[in-house]
Amino acid sequence: MTNSDSPWIVETAEDHEVYSNQGKAIGVAEDFQLKGKDVCVYHKGEIKHKFAGYTQGTLGLNYDRFSV
C-alpha cells in the first residue's frame, strides 16, 4: 500500500468508517462532532485529529414566566 492509498479512519465509541481522502474523513468527523459524539481520525495508524462532541446547553430559565 503506498502513501496515497493509506486509508483515513473516522472512529467514534459506537462506530468506525474508512475513507480514501482526508477531506471526506474530516467532514464526516465534524458531522459526528455536531451530533454530540467524540471523534478520532486516524491515518497510517496514528491519531491525526481528535474532536470533542458539541452539546447544546440550556439557560435554565422558565420562559413561561416571561410570556406577555
N, C-alpha and C. Protein backbone atom coordinates (compact mmCIF):
# COMPACT_ATOMS: atom_id res chain seq x y z
N MET A 1 0.85 -1.17 0.00
CA MET A 1 0.00 0.00 0.00
C MET A 1 0.89 1.23 0.00
N THR A 2 0.69 2.11 -0.92
CA THR A 2 1.50 3.33 -1.00
C THR A 2 0.95 4.38 -0.06
N ASN A 3 1.68 5.45 0.09
CA ASN A 3 1.28 6.54 0.97
C ASN A 3 -0.09 7.10 0.58
N SER A 4 -0.33 7.25 -0.72
CA SER A 4 -1.59 7.81 -1.17
C SER A 4 -2.76 6.84 -0.99
N ASP A 5 -2.46 5.55 -0.81
CA ASP A 5 -3.52 4.56 -0.63
C ASP A 5 -3.86 4.30 0.83
N SER A 6 -3.15 4.92 1.74
CA SER A 6 -3.41 4.70 3.17
C SER A 6 -4.78 5.27 3.52
N PRO A 7 -5.61 4.46 4.18
CA PRO A 7 -6.97 4.94 4.49
C PRO A 7 -6.99 5.92 5.66
N TRP A 8 -8.03 6.73 5.67
CA TRP A 8 -8.33 7.62 6.78
C TRP A 8 -9.49 6.97 7.53
N ILE A 9 -9.34 6.76 8.83
CA ILE A 9 -10.34 6.08 9.63
C ILE A 9 -10.97 7.07 10.59
N VAL A 10 -12.29 7.15 10.56
CA VAL A 10 -13.06 8.01 11.46
C VAL A 10 -13.71 7.09 12.48
N GLU A 11 -13.43 7.34 13.76
CA GLU A 11 -13.89 6.42 14.79
C GLU A 11 -14.60 7.16 15.92
N THR A 12 -15.76 6.63 16.30
CA THR A 12 -16.47 7.08 17.49
C THR A 12 -16.55 5.90 18.45
N ALA A 13 -17.17 6.09 19.58
CA ALA A 13 -17.31 5.00 20.54
C ALA A 13 -18.16 3.86 19.98
N GLU A 14 -19.09 4.19 19.09
CA GLU A 14 -20.01 3.18 18.57
C GLU A 14 -19.67 2.67 17.18
N ASP A 15 -18.85 3.38 16.43
CA ASP A 15 -18.70 3.06 15.02
C ASP A 15 -17.34 3.48 14.50
N HIS A 16 -16.95 2.94 13.35
CA HIS A 16 -15.79 3.45 12.63
C HIS A 16 -16.03 3.30 11.14
N GLU A 17 -15.54 4.27 10.39
CA GLU A 17 -15.72 4.30 8.94
C GLU A 17 -14.38 4.58 8.29
N VAL A 18 -14.18 4.05 7.09
CA VAL A 18 -12.92 4.19 6.38
C VAL A 18 -13.14 5.03 5.12
N TYR A 19 -12.24 6.00 4.89
CA TYR A 19 -12.32 6.88 3.72
C TYR A 19 -10.98 6.93 3.01
N SER A 20 -11.02 7.26 1.75
CA SER A 20 -9.80 7.28 0.96
C SER A 20 -9.11 8.64 0.94
N ASN A 21 -9.80 9.70 1.38
CA ASN A 21 -9.13 11.00 1.38
C ASN A 21 -9.41 11.76 2.68
N GLN A 22 -8.52 12.66 2.98
CA GLN A 22 -8.58 13.40 4.24
C GLN A 22 -9.80 14.31 4.31
N GLY A 23 -10.12 15.00 3.23
CA GLY A 23 -11.23 15.94 3.24
C GLY A 23 -12.55 15.30 3.62
N LYS A 24 -12.84 14.16 3.05
CA LYS A 24 -14.08 13.45 3.35
C LYS A 24 -14.08 12.97 4.81
N ALA A 25 -12.95 12.45 5.27
CA ALA A 25 -12.86 11.96 6.64
C ALA A 25 -13.08 13.09 7.65
N ILE A 26 -12.47 14.24 7.42
CA ILE A 26 -12.64 15.38 8.32
C ILE A 26 -14.08 15.86 8.31
N GLY A 27 -14.69 15.91 7.13
CA GLY A 27 -16.09 16.33 7.03
C GLY A 27 -17.03 15.42 7.80
N VAL A 28 -16.83 14.12 7.69
CA VAL A 28 -17.66 13.17 8.42
C VAL A 28 -17.41 13.30 9.93
N ALA A 29 -16.15 13.49 10.31
CA ALA A 29 -15.83 13.66 11.73
C ALA A 29 -16.51 14.91 12.30
N GLU A 30 -16.53 15.98 11.54
CA GLU A 30 -17.20 17.21 12.00
C GLU A 30 -18.70 17.00 12.13
N ASP A 31 -19.29 16.21 11.23
CA ASP A 31 -20.72 15.90 11.33
C ASP A 31 -21.02 15.12 12.62
N PHE A 32 -20.17 14.13 12.93
CA PHE A 32 -20.34 13.39 14.17
C PHE A 32 -20.19 14.32 15.37
N GLN A 33 -19.23 15.22 15.31
CA GLN A 33 -18.99 16.16 16.40
C GLN A 33 -20.23 17.02 16.66
N LEU A 34 -20.85 17.50 15.59
CA LEU A 34 -22.05 18.33 15.74
C LEU A 34 -23.23 17.55 16.30
N LYS A 35 -23.19 16.23 16.18
CA LYS A 35 -24.23 15.37 16.76
C LYS A 35 -23.92 15.01 18.21
N GLY A 36 -22.83 15.57 18.76
CA GLY A 36 -22.50 15.35 20.16
C GLY A 36 -21.58 14.18 20.43
N LYS A 37 -20.98 13.61 19.40
CA LYS A 37 -20.11 12.45 19.59
C LYS A 37 -18.64 12.86 19.59
N ASP A 38 -17.86 12.22 20.45
CA ASP A 38 -16.41 12.40 20.42
C ASP A 38 -15.86 11.58 19.27
N VAL A 39 -14.93 12.15 18.49
CA VAL A 39 -14.45 11.51 17.27
C VAL A 39 -12.93 11.58 17.19
N CYS A 40 -12.33 10.49 16.69
CA CYS A 40 -10.90 10.46 16.40
C CYS A 40 -10.73 10.13 14.92
N VAL A 41 -9.74 10.76 14.29
CA VAL A 41 -9.41 10.48 12.89
C VAL A 41 -7.98 9.94 12.86
N TYR A 42 -7.82 8.74 12.28
CA TYR A 42 -6.53 8.08 12.20
C TYR A 42 -6.06 8.00 10.75
N HIS A 43 -4.74 8.09 10.57
CA HIS A 43 -4.12 7.90 9.26
C HIS A 43 -2.77 7.23 9.48
N LYS A 44 -2.53 6.15 8.77
CA LYS A 44 -1.30 5.37 8.91
C LYS A 44 -1.07 4.93 10.35
N GLY A 45 -2.14 4.56 11.04
CA GLY A 45 -2.02 4.05 12.40
C GLY A 45 -1.80 5.09 13.48
N GLU A 46 -1.80 6.36 13.11
CA GLU A 46 -1.58 7.44 14.08
C GLU A 46 -2.82 8.32 14.16
N ILE A 47 -3.10 8.80 15.36
CA ILE A 47 -4.22 9.73 15.50
C ILE A 47 -3.79 11.08 14.93
N LYS A 48 -4.59 11.59 14.02
CA LYS A 48 -4.28 12.87 13.37
C LYS A 48 -5.15 14.00 13.88
N HIS A 49 -6.41 13.69 14.22
CA HIS A 49 -7.34 14.71 14.71
C HIS A 49 -8.22 14.09 15.78
N LYS A 50 -8.58 14.91 16.75
CA LYS A 50 -9.49 14.48 17.80
C LYS A 50 -10.50 15.59 18.04
N PHE A 51 -11.77 15.25 17.94
CA PHE A 51 -12.84 16.23 18.09
C PHE A 51 -13.71 15.86 19.29
N ALA A 52 -13.99 16.81 20.14
CA ALA A 52 -14.92 16.61 21.25
C ALA A 52 -16.32 16.97 20.78
N GLY A 53 -17.29 16.17 21.14
CA GLY A 53 -18.67 16.41 20.72
C GLY A 53 -19.24 17.67 21.32
N TYR A 54 -20.02 18.37 20.51
CA TYR A 54 -20.71 19.57 20.98
C TYR A 54 -22.04 19.16 21.60
N THR A 55 -22.38 19.80 22.69
CA THR A 55 -23.71 19.61 23.27
C THR A 55 -24.36 20.97 23.43
N GLN A 56 -25.64 21.01 23.20
CA GLN A 56 -26.39 22.25 23.33
C GLN A 56 -26.73 22.48 24.79
N GLY A 57 -26.26 23.55 25.33
CA GLY A 57 -26.55 23.86 26.73
C GLY A 57 -27.93 24.46 26.91
N THR A 58 -28.39 24.52 28.13
CA THR A 58 -29.67 25.16 28.44
C THR A 58 -29.40 26.34 29.35
N LEU A 59 -30.27 27.31 29.29
CA LEU A 59 -30.12 28.50 30.11
C LEU A 59 -30.70 28.31 31.51
N GLY A 60 -31.54 27.30 31.68
CA GLY A 60 -32.11 27.05 33.00
C GLY A 60 -33.22 28.00 33.38
N LEU A 61 -33.75 28.75 32.42
CA LEU A 61 -34.82 29.69 32.72
C LEU A 61 -36.17 29.11 32.31
N ASN A 62 -37.19 29.47 33.04
CA ASN A 62 -38.55 29.07 32.70
C ASN A 62 -39.15 30.22 31.90
N TYR A 63 -39.17 30.10 30.57
CA TYR A 63 -39.62 31.19 29.73
C TYR A 63 -41.13 31.43 29.80
N ASP A 64 -41.89 30.49 30.35
CA ASP A 64 -43.33 30.71 30.50
C ASP A 64 -43.61 31.87 31.46
N ARG A 65 -42.72 32.14 32.36
CA ARG A 65 -42.92 33.26 33.30
C ARG A 65 -42.87 34.59 32.58
N PHE A 66 -42.21 34.64 31.40
CA PHE A 66 -41.99 35.89 30.72
C PHE A 66 -42.98 36.14 29.58
N SER A 67 -43.97 35.27 29.43
CA SER A 67 -44.90 35.46 28.30
C SER A 67 -45.73 36.71 28.53
N VAL A 68 -46.04 37.39 27.43
CA VAL A 68 -46.75 38.65 27.51
C VAL A 68 -48.22 38.43 27.26
